[in-house]
Amino acid sequence: MQLELWTEKYRPKTLDEVIDQKHIVSRLKAWVKKGSIPHMLFAGPAGVGKTTIALCLARELFGENWKSNFHEMNASDERGINVVRGQIKEFARMKALGADFKIIFLDESDALTPEAQQALRRTMERFSDTCRFILSCNYSSKIIEPIQSRTSVFRFKRLTEEGVKEYLKRIAKAEKLTVTEDALTAIYEICEGDLRQATNLLQASSTLGKVTREAVYEAAAQSKPEDIRQMLESAFAGKFMEARKKLYEMLINKGLSGDDIIRGIHKEIHRMDLPEEKKIKLIEQIGEYEFRLNQGSSPEIQLEALLAQFMKHGK
């Protein structure tokens, strides 16, 4: 039996079911009532509802014919000019089924080359009577100005902790899961408002039985804040061997990567009660050692060296 992904099983079907993003949903509902929409640009981080809202919009505009009148593409898979001249133009010129227009949803459109974006701009102009384009991207600055000026731009926010927890509790109830409150908090802290990642993490954690904070961190294979804090406290106190022991416990016994640990260090530095000037210096050092790790340096050596740098600061 194939395991059904909860991200699809519990994806909102209507705009009313969407978590947060009320500033966007209210405007879209007004257009749905009118039965028409402009070209749009959805900009924001991953997992905040850009694709979901596009799908909800298509369902509410086209009803049972929504699949025939909605075409989703990922620009990071096919990012050249030929895909615009071929697949996109071919779909755009076809007449809509039981509606005045169709929708092309182009995900990760900031991956399109500048030449492809210029071709897309011309396609948007030529077929605007029969097709509406919704472009989704993480960084709107990578979309050329002629396209931005021809779209209504919607900026998606990171989802709130309250909204993410509400959604996860909805899933837990449907799946008859027992989920502790600190497990929900841990999921939010790890995923930082990415609802897709949060849902996947809840599903992964549920295979271990009761969803607890321990189960969440085990499923996520990420460092616990208290482990990182203990290591940092030891380093700031000048206890290098204690800090080193905690580091190797995470690297070897728990199998965490150097990248996981350095990201955990970065988060924990922000949470610690330290003077702002000291935080800035520490973050600069973290950036330097993260760069070294990305260049292929030994995680053990570089993280030990970072702890040695932290010892100079004290607390």
Foldseek 3Di string as FASTA:
>chain_A
DDDDQVCVVQQDQALVPAFDPPVPSVVLVVQLVVLDDAAAEEEADAQQQQVSHVNNSLCSNPPPQSVVQEAEDECLVPAEQVCLVPVVLVSLPDAGDPGFAGEYEYEQNLNHDPVNLVSNLVSCVVRVRHYHYYYYHHDCVSRDPSVVVRHHYDYGDQGDLVRLLVSVVVVCVVVVAAEDPVLSVLLCVVCVRNNSSSSNLSVQLCVVPHRYVVSSCLSVLADDLVLLVQLLLCLLQVNLVSSLVSVCCSCPVSVHDLVRSLVSNLVNLVVDDDDPVVSVVLVVLSVVLVVVVVVPDDSSVSVSVSSNVSNVVRD
